[in-house]
Amino acid sequence: VQTGGSLRLSCAASGSRFRLNDMGWYRQAPGKQREFVARIFGSGS
């Protein structure tokens, strides 16, 4: 995408016998450590 543009990522979970608590996203750029981006709890927070 160009600078200023938008993307929507999706992540589908399967196989869990337990309810997933928090779900979220991390990212890792070349030569850098993985970093936190966002998380969402089952409550929606």
PDB file of all heavy atoms in Angstrom:
ATOM      1  N   VAL A   1       0.852  -1.183   0.000  1.00  0.00           N
ATOM      2  CA  VAL A   1       0.000   0.000   0.000  1.00  0.00           C
ATOM      3  C   VAL A   1       0.888   1.232   0.000  1.00  0.00           C
ATOM      4  O   VAL A   1       2.027   1.195   0.479  1.00  0.00           O
ATOM      5  CB  VAL A   1      -0.938  -0.012   1.230  1.00  0.00           C
ATOM      6  CG1 VAL A   1      -0.158   0.085   2.528  1.00  0.00           C
ATOM      7  CG2 VAL A   1      -2.009   1.060   1.135  1.00  0.00           C
ATOM      8  N   GLN A   2       0.387   2.314  -0.555  1.00  0.00           N
ATOM      9  CA  GLN A   2       1.129   3.564  -0.555  1.00  0.00           C
ATOM     10  C   GLN A   2       1.010   4.268   0.801  1.00  0.00           C
ATOM     11  O   GLN A   2       0.040   4.040   1.550  1.00  0.00           O
ATOM     12  CB  GLN A   2       0.621   4.489  -1.654  1.00  0.00           C
ATOM     13  CG  GLN A   2       0.955   4.017  -3.058  1.00  0.00           C
ATOM     14  CD  GLN A   2       0.537   5.029  -4.108  1.00  0.00           C
ATOM     15  OE1 GLN A   2      -0.404   5.789  -3.929  1.00  0.00           O
ATOM     16  NE2 GLN A   2       1.253   5.035  -5.234  1.00  0.00           N
ATOM     17  N   THR A   3       1.950   5.112   1.091  1.00  0.00           N
ATOM     18  CA  THR A   3       1.880   5.931   2.295  1.00  0.00           C
ATOM     19  C   THR A   3       0.553   6.683   2.334  1.00  0.00           C
ATOM     20  O   THR A   3       0.129   7.260   1.329  1.00  0.00           O
ATOM     21  CB  THR A   3       3.037   6.936   2.332  1.00  0.00           C
ATOM     22  OG1 THR A   3       4.280   6.212   2.397  1.00  0.00           O
ATOM     23  CG2 THR A   3       2.941   7.836   3.543  1.00  0.00           C
ATOM     24  N   GLY A   4      -0.087   6.627   3.487  1.00  0.00           N
ATOM     25  CA  GLY A   4      -1.388   7.258   3.642  1.00  0.00           C
ATOM     26  C   GLY A   4      -2.556   6.332   3.346  1.00  0.00           C
ATOM     27  O   GLY A   4      -3.709   6.690   3.599  1.00  0.00           O
ATOM     28  N   GLY A   5      -2.270   5.177   2.815  1.00  0.00           N
ATOM     29  CA  GLY A   5      -3.325   4.228   2.461  1.00  0.00           C
ATOM     30  C   GLY A   5      -3.792   3.404   3.647  1.00  0.00           C
ATOM     31  O   GLY A   5      -3.370   3.605   4.787  1.00  0.00           O
ATOM     32  N   SER A   6      -4.672   2.456   3.352  1.00  0.00           N
ATOM     33  CA  SER A   6      -5.293   1.634   4.386  1.00  0.00           C
ATOM     34  C   SER A   6      -5.224   0.151   4.020  1.00  0.00           C
ATOM     35  O   SER A   6      -5.210  -0.205   2.842  1.00  0.00           O
ATOM     36  CB  SER A   6      -6.763   2.025   4.581  1.00  0.00           C
ATOM     37  OG  SER A   6      -6.895   3.360   5.003  1.00  0.00           O
ATOM     38  N   LEU A   7      -5.188  -0.668   5.043  1.00  0.00           N
ATOM     39  CA  LEU A   7      -5.290  -2.115   4.894  1.00  0.00           C
ATOM     40  C   LEU A   7      -6.088  -2.643   6.080  1.00  0.00           C
ATOM     41  O   LEU A   7      -6.076  -2.051   7.156  1.00  0.00           O
ATOM     42  CB  LEU A   7      -3.912  -2.782   4.894  1.00  0.00           C
ATOM     43  CG  LEU A   7      -3.068  -2.759   3.618  1.00  0.00           C
ATOM     44  CD1 LEU A   7      -1.707  -3.379   3.900  1.00  0.00           C
ATOM     45  CD2 LEU A   7      -3.754  -3.471   2.485  1.00  0.00           C
ATOM     46  N   ARG A   8      -6.735  -3.774   5.850  1.00  0.00           N
ATOM     47  CA  ARG A   8      -7.447  -4.448   6.926  1.00  0.00           C
ATOM     48  C   ARG A   8      -6.936  -5.872   7.044  1.00  0.00           C
ATOM     49  O   ARG A   8      -7.056  -6.647   6.083  1.00  0.00           O
ATOM     50  CB  ARG A   8      -8.954  -4.457   6.679  1.00  0.00           C
ATOM     51  CG  ARG A   8      -9.771  -4.967   7.856  1.00  0.00           C
ATOM     52  CD  ARG A   8     -11.207  -5.185   7.463  1.00  0.00           C
ATOM     53  NE  ARG A   8     -12.082  -5.392   8.614  1.00  0.00           N
ATOM     54  CZ  ARG A   8     -13.170  -6.158   8.582  1.00  0.00           C
ATOM     55  NH1 ARG A   8     -13.503  -6.774   7.470  1.00  0.00           N
ATOM     56  NH2 ARG A   8     -13.918  -6.282   9.672  1.00  0.00           N
ATOM     57  N   LEU A   9      -6.377  -6.183   8.191  1.00  0.00           N
ATOM     58  CA  LEU A   9      -5.899  -7.527   8.456  1.00  0.00           C
ATOM     59  C   LEU A   9      -6.975  -8.323   9.188  1.00  0.00           C
ATOM     60  O   LEU A   9      -7.722  -7.768   9.993  1.00  0.00           O
ATOM     61  CB  LEU A   9      -4.628  -7.494   9.301  1.00  0.00           C
ATOM     62  CG  LEU A   9      -3.461  -6.660   8.774  1.00  0.00           C
ATOM     63  CD1 LEU A   9      -2.266  -6.789   9.712  1.00  0.00           C
ATOM     64  CD2 LEU A   9      -3.091  -7.036   7.365  1.00  0.00           C
ATOM     65  N   SER A  10      -7.019  -9.600   8.887  1.00  0.00           N
ATOM     66  CA  SER A  10      -7.928 -10.507   9.573  1.00  0.00           C
ATOM     67  C   SER A  10      -7.145 -11.679  10.124  1.00  0.00           C
ATOM     68  O   SER A  10      -6.119 -12.069   9.567  1.00  0.00           O
ATOM     69  CB  SER A  10      -8.998 -11.036   8.619  1.00  0.00           C
ATOM     70  OG  SER A  10      -9.768  -9.992   8.073  1.00  0.00           O
ATOM     71  N   CYS A  11      -7.638 -12.247  11.203  1.00  0.00           N
ATOM     72  CA  CYS A  11      -7.006 -13.421  11.795  1.00  0.00           C
ATOM     73  C   CYS A  11      -8.099 -14.313  12.342  1.00  0.00           C
ATOM     74  O   CYS A  11      -8.810 -13.928  13.275  1.00  0.00           O
ATOM     75  CB  CYS A  11      -6.037 -13.013  12.892  1.00  0.00           C
ATOM     76  SG  CYS A  11      -5.330 -14.400  13.793  1.00  0.00           S
ATOM     77  N   ALA A  12      -8.223 -15.487  11.756  1.00  0.00           N
ATOM     78  CA  ALA A  12      -9.256 -16.432  12.165  1.00  0.00           C
ATOM     79  C   ALA A  12      -8.635 -17.552  12.991  1.00  0.00           C
ATOM     80  O   ALA A  12      -7.644 -18.159  12.580  1.00  0.00           O
ATOM     81  CB  ALA A  12      -9.954 -17.009  10.934  1.00  0.00           C
ATOM     82  N   ALA A  13      -9.237 -17.807  14.134  1.00  0.00           N
ATOM     83  CA  ALA A  13      -8.760 -18.855  15.032  1.00  0.00           C
ATOM     84  C   ALA A  13      -9.662 -20.074  14.939  1.00  0.00           C
ATOM     85  O   ALA A  13     -10.883 -19.943  14.806  1.00  0.00           O
ATOM     86  CB  ALA A  13      -8.728 -18.345  16.464  1.00  0.00           C
ATOM     87  N   SER A  14      -9.057 -21.248  15.024  1.00  0.00           N
ATOM     88  CA  SER A  14      -9.827 -22.484  15.006  1.00  0.00           C
ATOM     89  C   SER A  14      -9.158 -23.501  15.919  1.00  0.00           C
ATOM     90  O   SER A  14      -7.967 -23.381  16.231  1.00  0.00           O
ATOM     91  CB  SER A  14      -9.938 -23.044  13.589  1.00  0.00           C
ATOM     92  OG  SER A  14      -8.651 -23.344  13.070  1.00  0.00           O
ATOM     93  N   GLY A  15      -9.929 -24.482  16.333  1.00  0.00           N
ATOM     94  CA  GLY A  15      -9.369 -25.592  17.085  1.00  0.00           C
ATOM     95  C   GLY A  15      -9.291 -25.408  18.577  1.00  0.00           C
ATOM     96  O   GLY A  15      -8.805 -26.290  19.281  1.00  0.00           O
ATOM     97  N   SER A  16      -9.779 -24.265  19.074  1.00  0.00           N
ATOM     98  CA  SER A  16      -9.655 -24.035  20.505  1.00  0.00           C
ATOM     99  C   SER A  16     -10.828 -24.661  21.251  1.00  0.00           C
ATOM    100  O   SER A  16     -11.985 -24.425  20.893  1.00  0.00           O
ATOM    101  CB  SER A  16      -9.596 -22.539  20.809  1.00  0.00           C
ATOM    102  OG  SER A  16      -9.593 -22.333  22.210  1.00  0.00           O
ATOM    103  N   ARG A  17     -10.494 -25.437  22.280  1.00  0.00           N
ATOM    104  CA  ARG A  17     -11.550 -25.953  23.136  1.00  0.00           C
ATOM    105  C   ARG A  17     -11.911 -24.937  24.204  1.00  0.00           C
ATOM    106  O   ARG A  17     -12.906 -25.099  24.906  1.00  0.00           O
ATOM    107  CB  ARG A  17     -11.087 -27.253  23.792  1.00  0.00           C
ATOM    108  CG  ARG A  17     -10.835 -28.400  22.822  1.00  0.00           C
ATOM    109  CD  ARG A  17     -10.565 -29.667  23.601  1.00  0.00           C
ATOM    110  NE  ARG A  17      -9.388 -29.523  24.447  1.00  0.00           N
ATOM    111  CZ  ARG A  17      -9.166 -30.267  25.516  1.00  0.00           C
ATOM    112  NH1 ARG A  17     -10.035 -31.166  25.901  1.00  0.00           N
ATOM    113  NH2 ARG A  17      -8.063 -30.106  26.217  1.00  0.00           N
ATOM    114  N   PHE A  18     -11.070 -23.920  24.329  1.00  0.00           N
ATOM    115  CA  PHE A  18     -11.282 -22.889  25.330  1.00  0.00           C
ATOM    116  C   PHE A  18     -11.642 -21.593  24.643  1.00  0.00           C
ATOM    117  O   PHE A  18     -11.250 -21.341  23.512  1.00  0.00           O
ATOM    118  CB  PHE A  18     -10.020 -22.690  26.164  1.00  0.00           C
ATOM    119  CG  PHE A  18      -9.492 -23.941  26.797  1.00  0.00           C
ATOM    120  CD1 PHE A  18      -8.483 -24.662  26.192  1.00  0.00           C
ATOM    121  CD2 PHE A  18     -10.012 -24.396  27.987  1.00  0.00           C
ATOM    122  CE1 PHE A  18      -7.990 -25.821  26.761  1.00  0.00           C
ATOM    123  CE2 PHE A  18      -9.531 -25.551  28.571  1.00  0.00           C
ATOM    124  CZ  PHE A  18      -8.520 -26.267  27.959  1.00  0.00           C
ATOM    125  N   ARG A  19     -12.373 -20.789  25.331  1.00  0.00           N
ATOM    126  CA  ARG A  19     -12.671 -19.483  24.794  1.00  0.00           C
ATOM    127  C   ARG A  19     -11.380 -18.676  24.761  1.00  0.00           C
ATOM    128  O   ARG A  19     -10.623 -18.654  25.724  1.00  0.00           O
ATOM    129  CB  ARG A  19     -13.702 -18.763  25.654  1.00  0.00           C
ATOM    130  CG  ARG A  19     -13.990 -17.360  25.153  1.00  0.00           C
ATOM    131  CD  ARG A  19     -14.985 -16.646  26.038  1.00  0.00           C
ATOM    132  NE  ARG A  19     -15.190 -15.279  25.587  1.00  0.00           N
ATOM    133  CZ  ARG A  19     -16.014 -14.421  26.155  1.00  0.00           C
ATOM    134  NH1 ARG A  19     -16.711 -14.783  27.200  1.00  0.00           N
ATOM    135  NH2 ARG A  19     -16.144 -13.197  25.687  1.00  0.00           N
ATOM    136  N   LEU A  20     -11.149 -18.023  23.660  1.00  0.00           N
ATOM    137  CA  LEU A  20      -9.982 -17.174  23.554  1.00  0.00           C
ATOM    138  C   LEU A  20     -10.187 -15.929  24.401  1.00  0.00           C
ATOM    139  O   LEU A  20     -11.227 -15.281  24.299  1.00  0.00           O
ATOM    140  CB  LEU A  20      -9.717 -16.805  22.098  1.00  0.00           C
ATOM    141  CG  LEU A  20      -9.247 -17.957  21.207  1.00  0.00           C
ATOM    142  CD1 LEU A  20      -9.151 -17.501  19.770  1.00  0.00           C
ATOM    143  CD2 LEU A  20      -7.923 -18.507  21.686  1.00  0.00           C
ATOM    144  N   ASN A  21      -9.221 -15.608  25.202  1.00  0.00           N
ATOM    145  CA  ASN A  21      -9.314 -14.415  26.030  1.00  0.00           C
ATOM    146  C   ASN A  21      -8.918 -13.206  25.194  1.00  0.00           C
ATOM    147  O   ASN A  21      -9.658 -12.791  24.330  1.00  0.00           O
ATOM    148  CB  ASN A  21      -8.448 -14.584  27.269  1.00  0.00           C
ATOM    149  CG  ASN A  21      -8.936 -15.748  28.120  1.00  0.00           C
ATOM    150  OD1 ASN A  21     -10.137 -15.893  28.357  1.00  0.00           O
ATOM    151  ND2 ASN A  21      -8.035 -16.590  28.553  1.00  0.00           N
ATOM    152  N   ASP A  22      -7.746 -12.670  25.422  1.00  0.00           N
ATOM    153  CA  ASP A  22      -7.346 -11.553  24.576  1.00  0.00           C
ATOM    154  C   ASP A  22      -6.801 -12.078  23.245  1.00  0.00           C
ATOM    155  O   ASP A  22      -6.223 -13.152  23.167  1.00  0.00           O
ATOM    156  CB  ASP A  22      -6.321 -10.653  25.269  1.00  0.00           C
ATOM    157  CG  ASP A  22      -5.126 -11.412  25.785  1.00  0.00           C
ATOM    158  OD1 ASP A  22      -5.338 -12.351  26.590  1.00  0.00           O
ATOM    159  OD2 ASP A  22      -3.990 -11.074  25.405  1.00  0.00           O
ATOM    160  N   MET A  23      -7.024 -11.310  22.225  1.00  0.00           N
ATOM    161  CA  MET A  23      -6.457 -11.545  20.895  1.00  0.00           C
ATOM    162  C   MET A  23      -5.824 -10.243  20.451  1.00  0.00           C
ATOM    163  O   MET A  23      -6.242  -9.159  20.892  1.00  0.00           O
ATOM    164  CB  MET A  23      -7.534 -11.965  19.895  1.00  0.00           C
ATOM    165  CG  MET A  23      -8.248 -13.251  20.255  1.00  0.00           C
ATOM    166  SD  MET A  23      -9.493 -13.719  19.024  1.00  0.00           S
ATOM    167  CE  MET A  23      -8.431 -14.265  17.661  1.00  0.00           C
ATOM    168  N   GLY A  24      -4.847 -10.337  19.586  1.00  0.00           N
ATOM    169  CA  GLY A  24      -4.221  -9.093  19.180  1.00  0.00           C
ATOM    170  C   GLY A  24      -3.173  -9.267  18.119  1.00  0.00           C
ATOM    171  O   GLY A  24      -3.089 -10.321  17.464  1.00  0.00           O
ATOM    172  N   TRP A  25      -2.368  -8.220  17.970  1.00  0.00           N
ATOM    173  CA  TRP A  25      -1.384  -8.158  16.890  1.00  0.00           C
ATOM    174  C   TRP A  25      -0.043  -7.640  17.407  1.00  0.00           C
ATOM    175  O   TRP A  25       0.000  -6.705  18.215  1.00  0.00           O
ATOM    176  CB  TRP A  25      -1.871  -7.219  15.784  1.00  0.00           C
ATOM    177  CG  TRP A  25      -3.128  -7.678  15.127  1.00  0.00           C
ATOM    178  CD1 TRP A  25      -4.405  -7.402  15.510  1.00  0.00           C
ATOM    179  CD2 TRP A  25      -3.229  -8.508  13.961  1.00  0.00           C
ATOM    180  NE1 TRP A  25      -5.299  -8.007  14.666  1.00  0.00           N
ATOM    181  CE2 TRP A  25      -4.601  -8.690  13.702  1.00  0.00           C
ATOM    182  CE3 TRP A  25      -2.304  -9.100  13.104  1.00  0.00           C
ATOM    183  CZ2 TRP A  25      -5.063  -9.453  12.629  1.00  0.00           C
ATOM    184  CZ3 TRP A  25      -2.761  -9.850  12.044  1.00  0.00           C
ATOM    185  CH2 TRP A  25      -4.125 -10.019  11.814  1.00  0.00           C
ATOM    186  N   TYR A  26       1.007  -8.254  16.900  1.00  0.00           N
ATOM    187  CA  TYR A  26       2.367  -7.781  17.047  1.00  0.00           C
ATOM    188  C   TYR A  26       2.916  -7.616  15.639  1.00  0.00           C
ATOM    189  O   TYR A  26       2.344  -8.123  14.672  1.00  0.00           O
ATOM    190  CB  TYR A  26       3.230  -8.775  17.830  1.00  0.00           C
ATOM    191  CG  TYR A  26       3.069  -8.699  19.327  1.00  0.00           C
ATOM    192  CD1 TYR A  26       1.881  -9.092  19.939  1.00  0.00           C
ATOM    193  CD2 TYR A  26       4.106  -8.243  20.138  1.00  0.00           C
ATOM    194  CE1 TYR A  26       1.737  -9.024  21.320  1.00  0.00           C
ATOM    195  CE2 TYR A  26       3.975  -8.182  21.523  1.00  0.00           C
ATOM    196  CZ  TYR A  26       2.785  -8.572  22.089  1.00  0.00           C
ATOM    197  OH  TYR A  26       2.642  -8.509  23.456  1.00  0.00           O
ATOM    198  N   ARG A  27       4.035  -6.927  15.534  1.00  0.00           N
ATOM    199  CA  ARG A  27       4.691  -6.798  14.237  1.00  0.00           C
ATOM    200  C   ARG A  27       6.196  -6.843  14.399  1.00  0.00           C
ATOM    201  O   ARG A  27       6.727  -6.524  15.460  1.00  0.00           O
ATOM    202  CB  ARG A  27       4.273  -5.502  13.524  1.00  0.00           C
ATOM    203  CG  ARG A  27       4.733  -4.225  14.212  1.00  0.00           C
ATOM    204  CD  ARG A  27       4.122  -3.013  13.535  1.00  0.00           C
ATOM    205  NE  ARG A  27       4.572  -1.760  14.143  1.00  0.00           N
ATOM    206  CZ  ARG A  27       4.087  -0.569  13.839  1.00  0.00           C
ATOM    207  NH1 ARG A  27       3.129  -0.444  12.933  1.00  0.00           N
ATOM    208  NH2 ARG A  27       4.561   0.512  14.446  1.00  0.00           N
ATOM    209  N   GLN A  28       6.856  -7.231  13.331  1.00  0.00           N
ATOM    210  CA  GLN A  28       8.313  -7.306  13.350  1.00  0.00           C
ATOM    211  C   GLN A  28       8.862  -6.831  12.017  1.00  0.00           C
ATOM    212  O   GLN A  28       8.561  -7.420  10.970  1.00  0.00           O
ATOM    213  CB  GLN A  28       8.791  -8.724  13.639  1.00  0.00           C
ATOM    214  CG  GLN A  28      10.292  -8.832  13.854  1.00  0.00           C
ATOM    215  CD  GLN A  28      10.700 -10.163  14.447  1.00  0.00           C
ATOM    216  OE1 GLN A  28       9.974 -11.142  14.378  1.00  0.00           O
ATOM    217  NE2 GLN A  28      11.877 -10.204  15.053  1.00  0.00           N
ATOM    218  N   ALA A  29       9.645  -5.767  12.079  1.00  0.00           N
ATOM    219  CA  ALA A  29      10.311  -5.240  10.893  1.00  0.00           C
ATOM    220  C   ALA A  29      11.708  -5.869  10.806  1.00  0.00           C
ATOM    221  O   ALA A  29      12.253  -6.323  11.823  1.00  0.00           O
ATOM    222  CB  ALA A  29      10.415  -3.723  10.979  1.00  0.00           C
ATOM    223  N   PRO A  30      12.295  -5.887   9.616  1.00  0.00           N
ATOM    224  CA  PRO A  30      13.638  -6.483   9.467  1.00  0.00           C
ATOM    225  C   PRO A  30      14.648  -5.848  10.400  1.00  0.00           C
ATOM    226  O   PRO A  30      14.735  -4.614  10.497  1.00  0.00           O
ATOM    227  CB  PRO A  30      13.974  -6.190   8.001  1.00  0.00           C
ATOM    228  CG  PRO A  30      12.661  -6.083   7.327  1.00  0.00           C
ATOM    229  CD  PRO A  30      11.744  -5.450   8.332  1.00  0.00           C
ATOM    230  N   GLY A  31      15.396  -6.675  11.122  1.00  0.00           N
ATOM    231  CA  GLY A  31      16.419  -6.182  12.016  1.00  0.00           C
ATOM    232  C   GLY A  31      15.917  -5.630  13.329  1.00  0.00           C
ATOM    233  O   GLY A  31      16.707  -5.116  14.122  1.00  0.00           O
ATOM    234  N   LYS A  32      14.609  -5.748  13.573  1.00  0.00           N
ATOM    235  CA  LYS A  32      14.036  -5.217  14.806  1.00  0.00           C
ATOM    236  C   LYS A  32      13.340  -6.313  15.586  1.00  0.00           C
ATOM    237  O   LYS A  32      12.983  -7.355  15.043  1.00  0.00           O
ATOM    238  CB  LYS A  32      13.057  -4.081  14.495  1.00  0.00           C
ATOM    239  CG  LYS A  32      13.702  -2.856  13.875  1.00  0.00           C
ATOM    240  CD  LYS A  32      12.703  -1.713  13.763  1.00  0.00           C
ATOM    241  CE  LYS A  32      13.350  -0.462  13.206  1.00  0.00           C
ATOM    242  NZ  LYS A  32      12.385   0.674  13.131  1.00  0.00           N
ATOM    243  N   GLN A  33      13.132  -6.042  16.867  1.00  0.00           N
ATOM    244  CA  GLN A  33      12.408  -6.995  17.689  1.00  0.00           C
ATOM    245  C   GLN A  33      10.915  -6.909  17.406  1.00  0.00           C
ATOM    246  O   GLN A  33      10.397  -5.886  16.954  1.00  0.00           O
ATOM    247  CB  GLN A  33      12.674  -6.702  19.174  1.00  0.00           C
ATOM    248  CG  GLN A  33      14.094  -7.010  19.614  1.00  0.00           C
ATOM    249  CD  GLN A  33      14.256  -6.879  21.119  1.00  0.00           C
ATOM    250  OE1 GLN A  33      13.541  -6.142  21.775  1.00  0.00           O
ATOM    251  NE2 GLN A  33      15.207  -7.622  21.672  1.00  0.00           N
ATOM    252  N   ARG A  34      10.245  -8.019  17.695  1.00  0.00           N
ATOM    253  CA  ARG A  34       8.801  -8.013  17.568  1.00  0.00           C
ATOM    254  C   ARG A  34       8.217  -7.039  18.584  1.00  0.00           C
ATOM    255  O   ARG A  34       8.626  -7.012  19.745  1.00  0.00           O
ATOM    256  CB  ARG A  34       8.255  -9.426  17.789  1.00  0.00           C
ATOM    257  CG  ARG A  34       6.785  -9.581  17.472  1.00  0.00           C
ATOM    258  CD  ARG A  34       6.327 -11.019  17.592  1.00  0.00           C
ATOM    259  NE  ARG A  34       6.978 -11.902  16.638  1.00  0.00           N
ATOM    260  CZ  ARG A  34       6.580 -13.143  16.388  1.00  0.00           C
ATOM    261  NH1 ARG A  34       5.542 -13.648  17.040  1.00  0.00           N
ATOM    262  NH2 ARG A  34       7.227 -13.896  15.520  1.00  0.00           N
ATOM    263  N   GLU A  35       7.260  -6.231  18.136  1.00  0.00           N
ATOM    264  CA  GLU A  35       6.683  -5.230  19.021  1.00  0.00           C
ATOM    265  C   GLU A  35       5.163  -5.328  19.040  1.00  0.00           C
ATOM    266  O   GLU A  35       4.531  -5.695  18.044  1.00  0.00           O
ATOM    267  CB  GLU A  35       7.109  -3.816  18.598  1.00  0.00           C
ATOM    268  CG  GLU A  35       6.608  -3.377  17.246  1.00  0.00           C
ATOM    269  CD  GLU A  35       6.947  -1.916  16.941  1.00  0.00           C
ATOM    270  OE1 GLU A  35       7.620  -1.260  17.755  1.00  0.00           O
ATOM    271  OE2 GLU A  35       6.513  -1.425  15.876  1.00  0.00           O
ATOM    272  N   PHE A  36       4.618  -4.956  20.172  1.00  0.00           N
ATOM    273  CA  PHE A  36       3.170  -4.963  20.380  1.00  0.00           C
ATOM    274  C   PHE A  36       2.510  -3.888  19.517  1.00  0.00           C
ATOM    275  O   PHE A  36       3.021  -2.764  19.396  1.00  0.00           O
ATOM    276  CB  PHE A  36       2.881  -4.722  21.850  1.00  0.00           C
ATOM    277  CG  PHE A  36       1.447  -4.408  22.158  1.00  0.00           C
ATOM    278  CD1 PHE A  36       0.491  -5.403  22.135  1.00  0.00           C
ATOM    279  CD2 PHE A  36       1.059  -3.111  22.467  1.00  0.00           C
ATOM    280  CE1 PHE A  36      -0.829  -5.111  22.418  1.00  0.00           C
ATOM    281  CE2 PHE A  36      -0.249  -2.815  22.765  1.00  0.00           C
ATOM    282  CZ  PHE A  36      -1.194  -3.815  22.734  1.00  0.00           C
ATOM    283  N   VAL A  37       1.358  -4.227  18.950  1.00  0.00           N
ATOM    284  CA  VAL A  37       0.585  -3.267  18.164  1.00  0.00           C
ATOM    285  C   VAL A  37      -0.754  -2.973  18.839  1.00  0.00           C
ATOM    286  O   VAL A  37      -1.061  -1.825  19.155  1.00  0.00           O
ATOM    287  CB  VAL A  37       0.345  -3.782  16.732  1.00  0.00           C
ATOM    288  CG1 VAL A  37      -0.541  -2.804  15.961  1.00  0.00           C
ATOM    289  CG2 VAL A  37       1.663  -4.015  16.007  1.00  0.00           C
ATOM    290  N   ALA A  38      -1.546  -4.003  19.060  1.00  0.00           N
ATOM    291  CA  ALA A  38      -2.879  -3.795  19.637  1.00  0.00           C
ATOM    292  C   ALA A  38      -3.397  -5.116  20.186  1.00  0.00           C
ATOM    293  O   ALA A  38      -2.998  -6.189  19.730  1.00  0.00           O
ATOM    294  CB  ALA A  38      -3.850  -3.242  18.597  1.00  0.00           C
ATOM    295  N   ARG A  39      -4.296  -5.016  21.174  1.00  0.00           N
ATOM    296  CA  ARG A  39      -4.970  -6.213  21.693  1.00  0.00           C
ATOM    297  C   ARG A  39      -6.404  -5.862  22.035  1.00  0.00           C
ATOM    298  O   ARG A  39      -6.729  -4.695  22.294  1.00  0.00           O
ATOM    299  CB  ARG A  39      -4.262  -6.789  22.901  1.00  0.00           C
ATOM    300  CG  ARG A  39      -4.377  -6.000  24.173  1.00  0.00           C
ATOM    301  CD  ARG A  39      -3.921  -6.825  25.376  1.00  0.00           C
ATOM    302  NE  ARG A  39      -2.556  -7.265  25.250  1.00  0.00           N
ATOM    303  CZ  ARG A  39      -1.501  -6.563  25.678  1.00  0.00           C
ATOM    304  NH1 ARG A  39      -1.675  -5.395  26.263  1.00  0.00           N
ATOM    305  NH2 ARG A  39      -0.281  -7.040  25.524  1.00  0.00           N
ATOM    306  N   ILE A  40      -7.239  -6.866  22.034  1.00  0.00           N
ATOM    307  CA  ILE A  40      -8.633  -6.697  22.409  1.00  0.00           C
ATOM    308  C   ILE A  40      -9.037  -7.879  23.276  1.00  0.00           C
ATOM    309  O   ILE A  40      -8.715  -9.030  22.981  1.00  0.00           O
ATOM    310  CB  ILE A  40      -9.541  -6.562  21.166  1.00  0.00           C
ATOM    311  CG1 ILE A  40     -10.978  -6.293  21.576  1.00  0.00           C
ATOM    312  CG2 ILE A  40      -9.443  -7.789  20.253  1.00  0.00           C
ATOM    313  CD1 ILE A  40     -11.866  -5.842  20.403  1.00  0.00           C
ATOM    314  N   PHE A  41      -9.738  -7.579  24.358  1.00  0.00           N
ATOM    315  CA  PHE A  41     -10.179  -8.597  25.286  1.00  0.00           C
ATOM    316  C   PHE A  41     -11.602  -9.039  24.913  1.00  0.00           C
ATOM    317  O   PHE A  41     -12.277  -8.396  24.121  1.00  0.00           O
ATOM    318  CB  PHE A  41     -10.129  -8.062  26.713  1.00  0.00           C
ATOM    319  CG  PHE A  41      -8.728  -7.760  27.179  1.00  0.00           C
ATOM    320  CD1 PHE A  41      -8.153  -6.514  26.959  1.00  0.00           C
ATOM    321  CD2 PHE A  41      -7.971  -8.722  27.815  1.00  0.00           C
ATOM    322  CE1 PHE A  41      -6.868  -6.237  27.375  1.00  0.00           C
ATOM    323  CE2 PHE A  41      -6.679  -8.461  28.237  1.00  0.00           C
ATOM    324  CZ  PHE A  41      -6.124  -7.206  28.006  1.00  0.00           C
ATOM    325  N   GLY A  42     -12.017 -10.144  25.520  1.00  0.00           N
ATOM    326  CA  GLY A  42     -13.353 -10.645  25.244  1.00  0.00           C
ATOM    327  C   GLY A  42     -14.437  -9.640  25.587  1.00  0.00           C
ATOM    328  O   GLY A  42     -15.504  -9.635  24.976  1.00  0.00           O
ATOM    329  N   SER A  43     -14.138  -8.756  26.541  1.00  0.00           N
ATOM    330  CA  SER A  43     -15.090  -7.722  26.942  1.00  0.00           C
ATOM    331  C   SER A  43     -15.217  -6.625  25.902  1.00  0.00           C
ATOM    332  O   SER A  43     -16.149  -5.838  25.932  1.00  0.00           O
ATOM    333  CB  SER A  43     -14.645  -7.097  28.264  1.00  0.00           C
ATOM    334  OG  SER A  43     -13.379  -6.460  28.094  1.00  0.00           O
ATOM    335  N   GLY A  44     -14.226  -6.565  25.002  1.00  0.00           N
ATOM    336  CA  GLY A  44     -14.212  -5.508  23.995  1.00  0.00           C
ATOM    337  C   GLY A  44     -13.241  -4.384  24.316  1.00  0.00           C
ATOM    338  O   GLY A  44     -13.021  -3.513  23.472  1.00  0.00           O
ATOM    339  N   SER A  45     -12.658  -4.399  25.504  1.00  0.00           N
ATOM    340  CA  SER A  45     -11.685  -3.357  25.824  1.00  0.00           C
ATOM    341  C   SER A  45     -10.418  -3.565  25.003  1.00  0.00           C
ATOM    342  O   SER A  45     -10.086  -4.694  24.626  1.00  0.00           O
ATOM    343  CB  SER A  45     -11.364  -3.365  27.311  1.00  0.00           C
ATOM    344  OG  SER A  45     -10.786  -4.589  27.688  1.00  0.00           O
TER     345      SER A  45
END
